[in-house]
Structure formats: structure tokens, C-alpha cells
PDB file of N, CA and C in Angstrom:
ATOM      1  N   MET A   1     112.286 127.833 165.705  1.00  0.00           N
ATOM      2  CA  MET A   1     112.975 129.060 166.007  1.00  0.00           C
ATOM      3  C   MET A   1     113.041 129.275 167.519  1.00  0.00           C
ATOM      4  N   ALA A   2     111.936 129.003 168.180  1.00  0.00           N
ATOM      5  CA  ALA A   2     111.858 129.287 169.617  1.00  0.00           C
ATOM      6  C   ALA A   2     112.866 128.481 170.425  1.00  0.00           C
ATOM      7  N   ILE A   3     112.998 127.185 170.120  1.00  0.00           N
ATOM      8  CA  ILE A   3     113.945 126.393 170.916  1.00  0.00           C
ATOM      9  C   ILE A   3     115.374 126.817 170.626  1.00  0.00           C
ATOM     10  N   SER A   4     115.667 127.140 169.379  1.00  0.00           N
ATOM     11  CA  SER A   4     117.017 127.587 169.032  1.00  0.00           C
ATOM     12  C   SER A   4     117.350 128.886 169.748  1.00  0.00           C
ATOM     13  N   GLU A   5     116.402 129.808 169.743  1.00  0.00           N
ATOM     14  CA  GLU A   5     116.633 131.084 170.403  1.00  0.00           C
ATOM     15  C   GLU A   5     116.731 130.930 171.919  1.00  0.00           C
ATOM     16  N   ALA A   6     115.900 130.089 172.489  1.00  0.00           N
ATOM     17  CA  ALA A   6     115.942 129.888 173.939  1.00  0.00           C
ATOM     18  C   ALA A   6     117.274 129.288 174.382  1.00  0.00           C
ATOM     19  N   MET A   7     117.759 128.307 173.651  1.00  0.00           N
ATOM     20  CA  MET A   7     119.025 127.660 174.026  1.00  0.00           C
ATOM     21  C   MET A   7     120.209 128.600 173.767  1.00  0.00           C
ATOM     22  N   ALA A   8     120.150 129.382 172.694  1.00  0.00           N
ATOM     23  CA  ALA A   8     121.214 130.356 172.429  1.00  0.00           C
ATOM     24  C   ALA A   8     121.224 131.431 173.521  1.00  0.00           C
ATOM     25  N   TYR A   9     120.043 131.897 173.898  1.00  0.00           N
ATOM     26  CA  TYR A   9     119.937 132.901 174.955  1.00  0.00           C
ATOM     27  C   TYR A   9     120.516 132.372 176.261  1.00  0.00           C
ATOM     28  N   ALA A  10     120.162 131.141 176.597  1.00  0.00           N
ATOM     29  CA  ALA A  10     120.665 130.542 177.838  1.00  0.00           C
ATOM     30  C   ALA A  10     122.189 130.491 177.830  1.00  0.00           C
ATOM     31  N   ARG A  11     122.751 130.023 176.744  1.00  0.00           N
ATOM     32  CA  ARG A  11     124.219 129.917 176.670  1.00  0.00           C
ATOM     33  C   ARG A  11     124.879 131.287 176.712  1.00  0.00           C
ATOM     34  N   LYS A  12     124.376 132.222 175.927  1.00  0.00           N
ATOM     35  CA  LYS A  12     124.998 133.544 175.837  1.00  0.00           C
ATOM     36  C   LYS A  12     124.918 134.292 177.171  1.00  0.00           C
ATOM     37  N   SER A  13     123.840 134.062 177.922  1.00  0.00           N
ATOM     38  CA  SER A  13     123.663 134.765 179.195  1.00  0.00           C
ATOM     39  C   SER A  13     124.424 134.113 180.347  1.00  0.00           C
ATOM     40  N   GLY A  14     125.058 132.978 180.073  1.00  0.00           N
ATOM     41  CA  GLY A  14     125.826 132.299 181.106  1.00  0.00           C
ATOM     42  C   GLY A  14     125.012 131.327 181.945  1.00  0.00           C
ATOM     43  N   LEU A  15     123.759 131.123 181.595  1.00  0.00           N
ATOM     44  CA  LEU A  15     122.928 130.154 182.307  1.00  0.00           C
ATOM     45  C   LEU A  15     123.250 128.747 181.827  1.00  0.00           C
ATOM     46  N   GLN A  16     122.912 127.758 182.627  1.00  0.00           N
ATOM     47  CA  GLN A  16     123.069 126.368 182.217  1.00  0.00           C
ATOM     48  C   GLN A  16     121.872 126.015 181.335  1.00  0.00           C
ATOM     49  N   PRO A  17     122.076 125.758 180.028  1.00  0.00           N
ATOM     50  CA  PRO A  17     120.944 125.472 179.140  1.00  0.00           C
ATOM     51  C   PRO A  17     120.080 124.304 179.618  1.00  0.00           C
ATOM     52  N   GLU A  18     120.684 123.298 180.211  1.00  0.00           N
ATOM     53  CA  GLU A  18     119.913 122.157 180.702  1.00  0.00           C
ATOM     54  C   GLU A  18     118.956 122.580 181.817  1.00  0.00           C
ATOM     55  N   THR A  19     119.408 123.474 182.689  1.00  0.00           N
ATOM     56  CA  THR A  19     118.571 123.975 183.777  1.00  0.00           C
ATOM     57  C   THR A  19     117.443 124.841 183.235  1.00  0.00           C
ATOM     58  N   VAL A  20     117.762 125.678 182.251  1.00  0.00           N
ATOM     59  CA  VAL A  20     116.734 126.512 181.620  1.00  0.00           C
ATOM     60  C   VAL A  20     115.687 125.613 180.970  1.00  0.00           C
ATOM     61  N   LEU A  21     116.144 124.599 180.268  1.00  0.00           N
ATOM     62  CA  LEU A  21     115.231 123.669 179.618  1.00  0.00           C
ATOM     63  C   LEU A  21     114.304 123.014 180.639  1.00  0.00           C
ATOM     64  N   GLN A  22     114.853 122.537 181.740  1.00  0.00           N
ATOM     65  CA  GLN A  22     114.034 121.894 182.778  1.00  0.00           C
ATOM     66  C   GLN A  22     113.002 122.862 183.350  1.00  0.00           C
ATOM     67  N   SER A  23     113.380 124.120 183.473  1.00  0.00           N
ATOM     68  CA  SER A  23     112.465 125.079 184.100  1.00  0.00           C
ATOM     69  C   SER A  23     111.331 125.500 183.182  1.00  0.00           C
ATOM     70  N   ILE A  24     111.524 125.430 181.874  1.00  0.00           N
ATOM     71  CA  ILE A  24     110.464 125.898 180.975  1.00  0.00           C
ATOM     72  C   ILE A  24     109.690 124.789 180.275  1.00  0.00           C
ATOM     73  N   GLU A  25     110.243 123.579 180.186  1.00  0.00           N
ATOM     74  CA  GLU A  25     109.564 122.551 179.397  1.00  0.00           C
ATOM     75  C   GLU A  25     108.279 122.032 180.031  1.00  0.00           C
ATOM     76  N   SER A  26     108.142 122.143 181.326  1.00  0.00           N
ATOM     77  CA  SER A  26     106.933 121.624 181.958  1.00  0.00           C
ATOM     78  C   SER A  26     105.884 122.707 182.198  1.00  0.00           C
ATOM     79  N   GLY A  27     106.214 123.947 181.912  1.00  0.00           N
ATOM     80  CA  GLY A  27     105.265 125.041 182.115  1.00  0.00           C
ATOM     81  C   GLY A  27     104.504 125.382 180.853  1.00  0.00           C
ATOM     82  N   ALA A  28     103.945 126.561 180.838  1.00  0.00           N
ATOM     83  CA  ALA A  28     103.137 127.021 179.704  1.00  0.00           C
ATOM     84  C   ALA A  28     103.950 127.106 178.420  1.00  0.00           C
ATOM     85  N   ALA A  29     105.255 127.270 178.527  1.00  0.00           N
ATOM     86  CA  ALA A  29     106.113 127.349 177.344  1.00  0.00           C
ATOM     87  C   ALA A  29     106.476 125.972 176.798  1.00  0.00           C
ATOM     88  N   GLY A  30     106.078 124.924 177.496  1.00  0.00           N
ATOM     89  CA  GLY A  30     106.421 123.569 177.083  1.00  0.00           C
ATOM     90  C   GLY A  30     105.785 123.184 175.760  1.00  0.00           C
ATOM     91  N   SER A  31     106.476 122.313 175.030  1.00  0.00           N
ATOM     92  CA  SER A  31     105.972 121.828 173.748  1.00  0.00           C
ATOM     93  C   SER A  31     106.708 120.540 173.386  1.00  0.00           C
ATOM     94  N   TRP A  32     106.187 119.858 172.394  1.00  0.00           N
ATOM     95  CA  TRP A  32     106.855 118.653 171.893  1.00  0.00           C
ATOM     96  C   TRP A  32     108.266 119.001 171.417  1.00  0.00           C
ATOM     97  N   SER A  33     108.401 120.083 170.677  1.00  0.00           N
ATOM     98  CA  SER A  33     109.713 120.471 170.153  1.00  0.00           C
ATOM     99  C   SER A  33     110.693 120.760 171.272  1.00  0.00           C
ATOM    100  N   LEU A  34     110.229 121.460 172.272  1.00  0.00           N
ATOM    101  CA  LEU A  34     111.105 121.791 173.392  1.00  0.00           C
ATOM    102  C   LEU A  34     111.559 120.533 174.121  1.00  0.00           C
ATOM    103  N   THR A  35     110.649 119.627 174.384  1.00  0.00           N
ATOM    104  CA  THR A  35     110.967 118.407 175.113  1.00  0.00           C
ATOM    105  C   THR A  35     111.817 117.441 174.301  1.00  0.00           C
ATOM    106  N   ASN A  36     111.581 117.359 173.015  1.00  0.00           N
ATOM    107  CA  ASN A  36     112.256 116.363 172.184  1.00  0.00           C
ATOM    108  C   ASN A  36     113.448 116.884 171.389  1.00  0.00           C
ATOM    109  N   LEU A  37     113.381 118.120 170.946  1.00  0.00           N
ATOM    110  CA  LEU A  37     114.461 118.623 170.094  1.00  0.00           C
ATOM    111  C   LEU A  37     115.516 119.432 170.844  1.00  0.00           C
ATOM    112  N   ALA A  38     115.108 120.186 171.855  1.00  0.00           N
ATOM    113  CA  ALA A  38     116.088 120.986 172.600  1.00  0.00           C
ATOM    114  C   ALA A  38     117.185 120.123 173.228  1.00  0.00           C
ATOM    115  N   PRO A  39     116.869 118.976 173.849  1.00  0.00           N
ATOM    116  CA  PRO A  39     117.955 118.140 174.379  1.00  0.00           C
ATOM    117  C   PRO A  39     118.918 117.683 173.278  1.00  0.00           C
ATOM    118  N   ARG A  40     118.399 117.425 172.095  1.00  0.00           N
ATOM    119  CA  ARG A  40     119.270 117.030 170.986  1.00  0.00           C
ATOM    120  C   ARG A  40     120.170 118.187 170.575  1.00  0.00           C
ATOM    121  N   VAL A  41     119.622 119.389 170.559  1.00  0.00           N
ATOM    122  CA  VAL A  41     120.427 120.577 170.238  1.00  0.00           C
ATOM    123  C   VAL A  41     121.580 120.690 171.226  1.00  0.00           C
ATOM    124  N   LEU A  42     121.279 120.527 172.513  1.00  0.00           N
ATOM    125  CA  LEU A  42     122.312 120.671 173.537  1.00  0.00           C
ATOM    126  C   LEU A  42     123.401 119.615 173.415  1.00  0.00           C
ATOM    127  N   LYS A  43     123.074 118.464 172.846  1.00  0.00           N
ATOM    128  CA  LYS A  43     124.067 117.402 172.627  1.00  0.00           C
ATOM    129  C   LYS A  43     124.776 117.548 171.284  1.00  0.00           C
ATOM    130  N   GLY A  44     124.361 118.540 170.473  1.00  0.00           N
ATOM    131  CA  GLY A  44     124.950 118.689 169.144  1.00  0.00           C
ATOM    132  C   GLY A  44     124.443 117.643 168.166  1.00  0.00           C
ATOM    133  N   ASP A  45     123.278 117.075 168.440  1.00  0.00           N
ATOM    134  CA  ASP A  45     122.681 116.043 167.592  1.00  0.00           C
ATOM    135  C   ASP A  45     121.710 116.712 166.615  1.00  0.00           C
ATOM    136  N   PHE A  46     122.140 116.820 165.381  1.00  0.00           N
ATOM    137  CA  PHE A  46     121.321 117.465 164.364  1.00  0.00           C
ATOM    138  C   PHE A  46     120.823 116.468 163.321  1.00  0.00           C
ATOM    139  N   ALA A  47     120.838 115.189 163.687  1.00  0.00           N
ATOM    140  CA  ALA A  47     120.328 114.151 162.782  1.00  0.00           C
ATOM    141  C   ALA A  47     118.846 114.405 162.523  1.00  0.00           C
ATOM    142  N   PRO A  48     118.417 114.130 161.310  1.00  0.00           N
ATOM    143  CA  PRO A  48     117.033 114.470 160.965  1.00  0.00           C
ATOM    144  C   PRO A  48     116.001 113.525 161.551  1.00  0.00           C
ATOM    145  N   GLY A  49     114.960 114.131 162.057  1.00  0.00           N
ATOM    146  CA  GLY A  49     113.695 113.465 162.266  1.00  0.00           C
ATOM    147  C   GLY A  49     112.845 113.929 161.092  1.00  0.00           C
ATOM    148  N   PHE A  50     112.980 115.219 160.801  1.00  0.00           N
ATOM    149  CA  PHE A  50     112.363 115.842 159.635  1.00  0.00           C
ATOM    150  C   PHE A  50     113.434 116.733 159.012  1.00  0.00           C
ATOM    151  N   PHE A  51     113.693 116.538 157.748  1.00  0.00           N
ATOM    152  CA  PHE A  51     114.781 117.233 157.053  1.00  0.00           C
ATOM    153  C   PHE A  51     114.493 118.724 156.862  1.00  0.00           C
ATOM    154  N   VAL A  52     115.545 119.533 156.957  1.00  0.00           N
ATOM    155  CA  VAL A  52     115.457 120.955 156.667  1.00  0.00           C
ATOM    156  C   VAL A  52     114.922 121.169 155.256  1.00  0.00           C
ATOM    157  N   LYS A  53     115.416 120.428 154.282  1.00  0.00           N
ATOM    158  CA  LYS A  53     114.991 120.630 152.892  1.00  0.00           C
ATOM    159  C   LYS A  53     113.502 120.375 152.706  1.00  0.00           C
ATOM    160  N   HIS A  54     112.946 119.435 153.429  1.00  0.00           N
ATOM    161  CA  HIS A  54     111.511 119.160 153.318  1.00  0.00           C
ATOM    162  C   HIS A  54     110.697 120.240 154.036  1.00  0.00           C
ATOM    163  N   PHE A  55     111.243 120.744 155.124  1.00  0.00           N
ATOM    164  CA  PHE A  55     110.573 121.812 155.860  1.00  0.00           C
ATOM    165  C   PHE A  55     110.500 123.068 154.998  1.00  0.00           C
ATOM    166  N   ILE A  56     111.591 123.379 154.297  1.00  0.00           N
ATOM    167  CA  ILE A  56     111.609 124.537 153.403  1.00  0.00           C
ATOM    168  C   ILE A  56     110.545 124.380 152.319  1.00  0.00           C
ATOM    169  N   LYS A  57     110.466 123.185 151.739  1.00  0.00           N
ATOM    170  CA  LYS A  57     109.466 122.911 150.699  1.00  0.00           C
ATOM    171  C   LYS A  57     108.065 123.143 151.241  1.00  0.00           C
ATOM    172  N   ASP A  58     107.788 122.624 152.424  1.00  0.00           N
ATOM    173  CA  ASP A  58     106.460 122.772 153.023  1.00  0.00           C
ATOM    174  C   ASP A  58     106.146 124.229 153.349  1.00  0.00           C
ATOM    175  N   MET A  59     107.134 124.956 153.868  1.00  0.00           N
ATOM    176  CA  MET A  59     106.907 126.372 154.169  1.00  0.00           C
ATOM    177  C   MET A  59     106.625 127.156 152.899  1.00  0.00           C
ATOM    178  N   LYS A  60     107.324 126.833 151.826  1.00  0.00           N
ATOM    179  CA  LYS A  60     107.098 127.518 150.551  1.00  0.00           C
ATOM    180  C   LYS A  60     105.668 127.297 150.073  1.00  0.00           C
ATOM    181  N   ILE A  61     105.193 126.067 150.160  1.00  0.00           N
ATOM    182  CA  ILE A  61     103.817 125.752 149.758  1.00  0.00           C
ATOM    183  C   ILE A  61     102.825 126.539 150.610  1.00  0.00           C
ATOM    184  N   ALA A  62     103.050 126.575 151.912  1.00  0.00           N
ATOM    185  CA  ALA A  62     102.144 127.293 152.812  1.00  0.00           C
ATOM    186  C   ALA A  62     102.147 128.792 152.524  1.00  0.00           C
ATOM    187  N   ILE A  63     103.311 129.361 152.280  1.00  0.00           N
ATOM    188  CA  ILE A  63     103.410 130.795 151.979  1.00  0.00           C
ATOM    189  C   ILE A  63     102.684 131.108 150.679  1.00  0.00           C
ATOM    190  N   GLU A  64     102.914 130.293 149.655  1.00  0.00           N
ATOM    191  CA  GLU A  64     102.249 130.515 148.369  1.00  0.00           C
ATOM    192  C   GLU A  64     100.735 130.388 148.495  1.00  0.00           C
ATOM    193  N   SER A  65     100.282 129.417 149.255  1.00  0.00           N
ATOM    194  CA  SER A  65      98.851 129.230 149.472  1.00  0.00           C
ATOM    195  C   SER A  65      98.254 130.435 150.201  1.00  0.00           C
ATOM    196  N   ALA A  66      98.917 130.875 151.250  1.00  0.00           N
ATOM    197  CA  ALA A  66      98.433 132.030 152.019  1.00  0.00           C
ATOM    198  C   ALA A  66      98.398 133.282 151.147  1.00  0.00           C
ATOM    199  N   GLU A  67      99.435 133.486 150.356  1.00  0.00           N
ATOM    200  CA  GLU A  67      99.462 134.655 149.473  1.00  0.00           C
ATOM    201  C   GLU A  67      98.321 134.610 148.466  1.00  0.00           C
ATOM    202  N   GLY A  68      97.993 133.407 148.000  1.00  0.00           N
ATOM    203  CA  GLY A  68      96.874 133.246 147.083  1.00  0.00           C
ATOM    204  C   GLY A  68      95.544 133.652 147.711  1.00  0.00           C
ATOM    205  N   MET A  69      95.460 133.590 149.026  1.00  0.00           N
ATOM    206  CA  MET A  69      94.256 134.004 149.754  1.00  0.00           C
ATOM    207  C   MET A  69      94.342 135.455 150.219  1.00  0.00           C
ATOM    208  N   GLY A  70      95.460 136.115 149.908  1.00  0.00           N
ATOM    209  CA  GLY A  70      95.642 137.492 150.357  1.00  0.00           C
ATOM    210  C   GLY A  70      96.042 137.596 151.814  1.00  0.00           C
ATOM    211  N   LEU A  71      96.621 136.539 152.346  1.00  0.00           N
ATOM    212  CA  LEU A  71      97.027 136.487 153.755  1.00  0.00           C
ATOM    213  C   LEU A  71      98.539 136.565 153.859  1.00  0.00           C
ATOM    214  N   GLN A  72      99.028 137.502 154.635  1.00  0.00           N
ATOM    215  CA  GLN A  72     100.463 137.642 154.869  1.00  0.00           C
ATOM    216  C   GLN A  72     100.834 136.905 156.153  1.00  0.00           C
ATOM    217  N   LEU A  73     101.888 136.112 156.095  1.00  0.00           N
ATOM    218  CA  LEU A  73     102.371 135.366 157.254  1.00  0.00           C
ATOM    219  C   LEU A  73     103.834 135.728 157.510  1.00  0.00           C
ATOM    220  N   PRO A  74     104.092 136.887 158.125  1.00  0.00           N
ATOM    221  CA  PRO A  74     105.484 137.333 158.301  1.00  0.00           C
ATOM    222  C   PRO A  74     106.326 136.409 159.173  1.00  0.00           C
ATOM    223  N   GLY A  75     105.720 135.764 160.152  1.00  0.00           N
ATOM    224  CA  GLY A  75     106.479 134.828 160.989  1.00  0.00           C
ATOM    225  C   GLY A  75     106.958 133.634 160.186  1.00  0.00           C
ATOM    226  N   LEU A  76     106.090 133.090 159.371  1.00  0.00           N
ATOM    227  CA  LEU A  76     106.455 131.961 158.520  1.00  0.00           C
ATOM    228  C   LEU A  76     107.495 132.377 157.485  1.00  0.00           C
ATOM    229  N   GLN A  77     107.347 133.584 156.951  1.00  0.00           N
ATOM    230  CA  GLN A  77     108.332 134.071 155.981  1.00  0.00           C
ATOM    231  C   GLN A  77     109.705 134.223 156.622  1.00  0.00           C
ATOM    232  N   LEU A  78     109.745 134.690 157.853  1.00  0.00           N
ATOM    233  CA  LEU A  78     111.015 134.809 158.572  1.00  0.00           C
ATOM    234  C   LEU A  78     111.610 133.429 158.826  1.00  0.00           C
ATOM    235  N   ALA A  79     110.774 132.487 159.269  1.00  0.00           N
ATOM    236  CA  ALA A  79     111.265 131.129 159.513  1.00  0.00           C
ATOM    237  C   ALA A  79     111.856 130.542 158.235  1.00  0.00           C
ATOM    238  N   LYS A  80     111.168 130.706 157.119  1.00  0.00           N
ATOM    239  CA  LYS A  80     111.672 130.170 155.857  1.00  0.00           C
ATOM    240  C   LYS A  80     112.996 130.830 155.476  1.00  0.00           C
ATOM    241  N   LYS A  81     113.096 132.134 155.672  1.00  0.00           N
ATOM    242  CA  LYS A  81     114.347 132.848 155.370  1.00  0.00           C
ATOM    243  C   LYS A  81     115.504 132.270 156.188  1.00  0.00           C
ATOM    244  N   LEU A  82     115.269 132.017 157.472  1.00  0.00           N
ATOM    245  CA  LEU A  82     116.320 131.459 158.324  1.00  0.00           C
ATOM    246  C   LEU A  82     116.701 130.044 157.887  1.00  0.00           C
ATOM    247  N   TYR A  83     115.703 129.234 157.569  1.00  0.00           N
ATOM    248  CA  TYR A  83     115.998 127.873 157.107  1.00  0.00           C
ATOM    249  C   TYR A  83     116.675 127.883 155.743  1.00  0.00           C
ATOM    250  N   ASP A  84     116.335 128.848 154.892  1.00  0.00           N
ATOM    251  CA  ASP A  84     117.049 128.992 153.611  1.00  0.00           C
ATOM    252  C   ASP A  84     118.528 129.306 153.867  1.00  0.00           C
ATOM    253  N   GLN A  85     118.796 130.166 154.841  1.00  0.00           N
ATOM    254  CA  GLN A  85     120.188 130.488 155.200  1.00  0.00           C
ATOM    255  C   GLN A  85     120.906 129.236 155.683  1.00  0.00           C
ATOM    256  N   LEU A  86     120.235 128.461 156.509  1.00  0.00           N
ATOM    257  CA  LEU A  86     120.816 127.226 157.024  1.00  0.00           C
ATOM    258  C   LEU A  86     121.123 126.262 155.887  1.00  0.00           C
ATOM    259  N   ALA A  87     120.190 126.105 154.965  1.00  0.00           N
ATOM    260  CA  ALA A  87     120.387 125.214 153.814  1.00  0.00           C
ATOM    261  C   ALA A  87     121.551 125.688 152.955  1.00  0.00           C
ATOM    262  N   SER A  88     121.696 127.003 152.806  1.00  0.00           N
ATOM    263  CA  SER A  88     122.793 127.538 151.987  1.00  0.00           C
ATOM    264  C   SER A  88     124.158 127.240 152.600  1.00  0.00           C
ATOM    265  N   LYS A  89     124.180 126.882 153.873  1.00  0.00           N
ATOM    266  CA  LYS A  89     125.425 126.506 154.562  1.00  0.00           C
ATOM    267  C   LYS A  89     125.658 124.995 154.503  1.00  0.00           C
ATOM    268  N   GLY A  90     124.843 124.301 153.688  1.00  0.00           N
ATOM    269  CA  GLY A  90     125.038 122.868 153.516  1.00  0.00           C
ATOM    270  C   GLY A  90     124.313 122.000 154.527  1.00  0.00           C
ATOM    271  N   CYS A  91     123.317 122.549 155.208  1.00  0.00           N
ATOM    272  CA  CYS A  91     122.631 121.813 156.270  1.00  0.00           C
ATOM    273  C   CYS A  91     121.239 121.332 155.867  1.00  0.00           C
ATOM    274  N   GLU A  92     120.968 121.251 154.563  1.00  0.00           N
ATOM    275  CA  GLU A  92     119.628 120.869 154.118  1.00  0.00           C
ATOM    276  C   GLU A  92     119.248 119.434 154.481  1.00  0.00           C
ATOM    277  N   ASP A  93     120.230 118.586 154.748  1.00  0.00           N
ATOM    278  CA  ASP A  93     119.949 117.204 155.130  1.00  0.00           C
ATOM    279  C   ASP A  93     119.967 116.987 156.644  1.00  0.00           C
ATOM    280  N   ASP A  94     120.113 118.070 157.403  1.00  0.00           N
ATOM    281  CA  ASP A  94     120.035 117.997 158.863  1.00  0.00           C
ATOM    282  C   ASP A  94     118.571 118.023 159.287  1.00  0.00           C
ATOM    283  N   GLY A  95     118.350 117.764 160.565  1.00  0.00           N
ATOM    284  CA  GLY A  95     117.013 117.891 161.130  1.00  0.00           C
ATOM    285  C   GLY A  95     116.680 119.351 161.369  1.00  0.00           C
ATOM    286  N   THR A  96     115.396 119.628 161.527  1.00  0.00           N
ATOM    287  CA  THR A  96     114.962 121.014 161.696  1.00  0.00           C
ATOM    288  C   THR A  96     115.580 121.699 162.916  1.00  0.00           C
ATOM    289  N   GLN A  97     115.981 120.915 163.917  1.00  0.00           N
ATOM    290  CA  GLN A  97     116.612 121.502 165.106  1.00  0.00           C
ATOM    291  C   GLN A  97     117.980 122.099 164.790  1.00  0.00           C
ATOM    292  N   ALA A  98     118.505 121.825 163.599  1.00  0.00           N
ATOM    293  CA  ALA A  98     119.810 122.368 163.205  1.00  0.00           C
ATOM    294  C   ALA A  98     119.773 123.877 163.023  1.00  0.00           C
ATOM    295  N   LEU A  99     118.596 124.476 163.063  1.00  0.00           N
ATOM    296  CA  LEU A  99     118.520 125.933 162.998  1.00  0.00           C
ATOM    297  C   LEU A  99     119.397 126.563 164.067  1.00  0.00           C
ATOM    298  N   PHE A 100     119.589 125.856 165.153  1.00  0.00           N
ATOM    299  CA  PHE A 100     120.453 126.339 166.239  1.00  0.00           C
ATOM    300  C   PHE A 100     121.845 126.691 165.720  1.00  0.00           C
ATOM    301  N   LYS A 101     122.301 126.045 164.676  1.00  0.00           N
ATOM    302  CA  LYS A 101     123.641 126.330 164.141  1.00  0.00           C
ATOM    303  C   LYS A 101     123.789 127.782 163.725  1.00  0.00           C
ATOM    304  N   LEU A 102     122.717 128.404 163.242  1.00  0.00           N
ATOM    305  CA  LEU A 102     122.791 129.830 162.887  1.00  0.00           C
ATOM    306  C   LEU A 102     123.017 130.676 164.131  1.00  0.00           C
ATOM    307  N   TYR A 103     122.359 130.325 165.209  1.00  0.00           N
ATOM    308  CA  TYR A 103     122.503 131.084 166.455  1.00  0.00           C
ATOM    309  C   TYR A 103     123.850 130.788 167.107  1.00  0.00           C
ATOM    310  N   GLN A 104     124.322 129.567 166.950  1.00  0.00           N
ATOM    311  CA  GLN A 104     125.589 129.158 167.545  1.00  0.00           C
ATOM    312  C   GLN A 104     126.750 130.003 167.015  1.00  0.00           C
ATOM    313  N   GLU A 105     126.615 130.497 165.795  1.00  0.00           N
ATOM    314  CA  GLU A 105     127.666 131.339 165.219  1.00  0.00           C
ATOM    315  C   GLU A 105     127.870 132.619 166.021  1.00  0.00           C
ATOM    316  N   GLN A 106     126.873 133.020 166.785  1.00  0.00           N
ATOM    317  CA  GLN A 106     126.942 134.255 167.569  1.00  0.00           C
ATOM    318  C   GLN A 106     127.425 134.025 168.994  1.00  0.00           C
ATOM    319  N   LEU A 107     127.590 132.765 169.364  1.00  0.00           N
ATOM    320  CA  LEU A 107     127.971 132.454 170.754  1.00  0.00           C
ATOM    321  C   LEU A 107     129.469 132.479 170.954  1.00  0.00           C
TER     322      LEU A 107
END
């Protein structure tokens, strides 16, 4: 979610997404996803490293497990809701970075 939102924010605000990426990937906000998936998002490369459909399955298992312990995970529930929306648009065989497509609709 974070990389999709960051790249959408950069584009919508008129910033160069590549420059924004360079400025944040090496700092405290840096992560494997940011370094590896954000450049693919910017190129429109949504080929799977990990499929959306498998991510949804895993999130469902985690949510059910947490609920069984009486633990609410609203962030995970939101992520699953967004990925469910993405899958409903026919993107279940895309990579997880394809979440950007939901944000791209607003650009």
C-alpha cells in the first residue's frame, strides 16, 4: 500500500516519481518493496513476483487467525479489502505491486 500511495502522491502532486523514489528509498522510509517494486510500478510492470491471489489467500488466513485470538488488525483488513477490489478488476494474476492500478484510476 505504501509504495502505491507514495508513487500516486508523487504523480498527482506534479513531482517526478523517480526523484521522489531516489530521495526516500535510502532513508528511514526505505524498504525492499520500495527499492524493488516501486521502479516496476513506474515502468508499468505488474508481472508477478508474488501473485495478488496468493497474497489475498495469505491475508485471509492471517485475519482469521488473529480474530481467533481476539486480535483486530484493521490495517491488514484494509489491505485485504483493497487487494480484493484489485482482484475483482481481473488483476488476481498480477504481482502485488499492481495495487498501484487502483490509485492510478485517480490520477
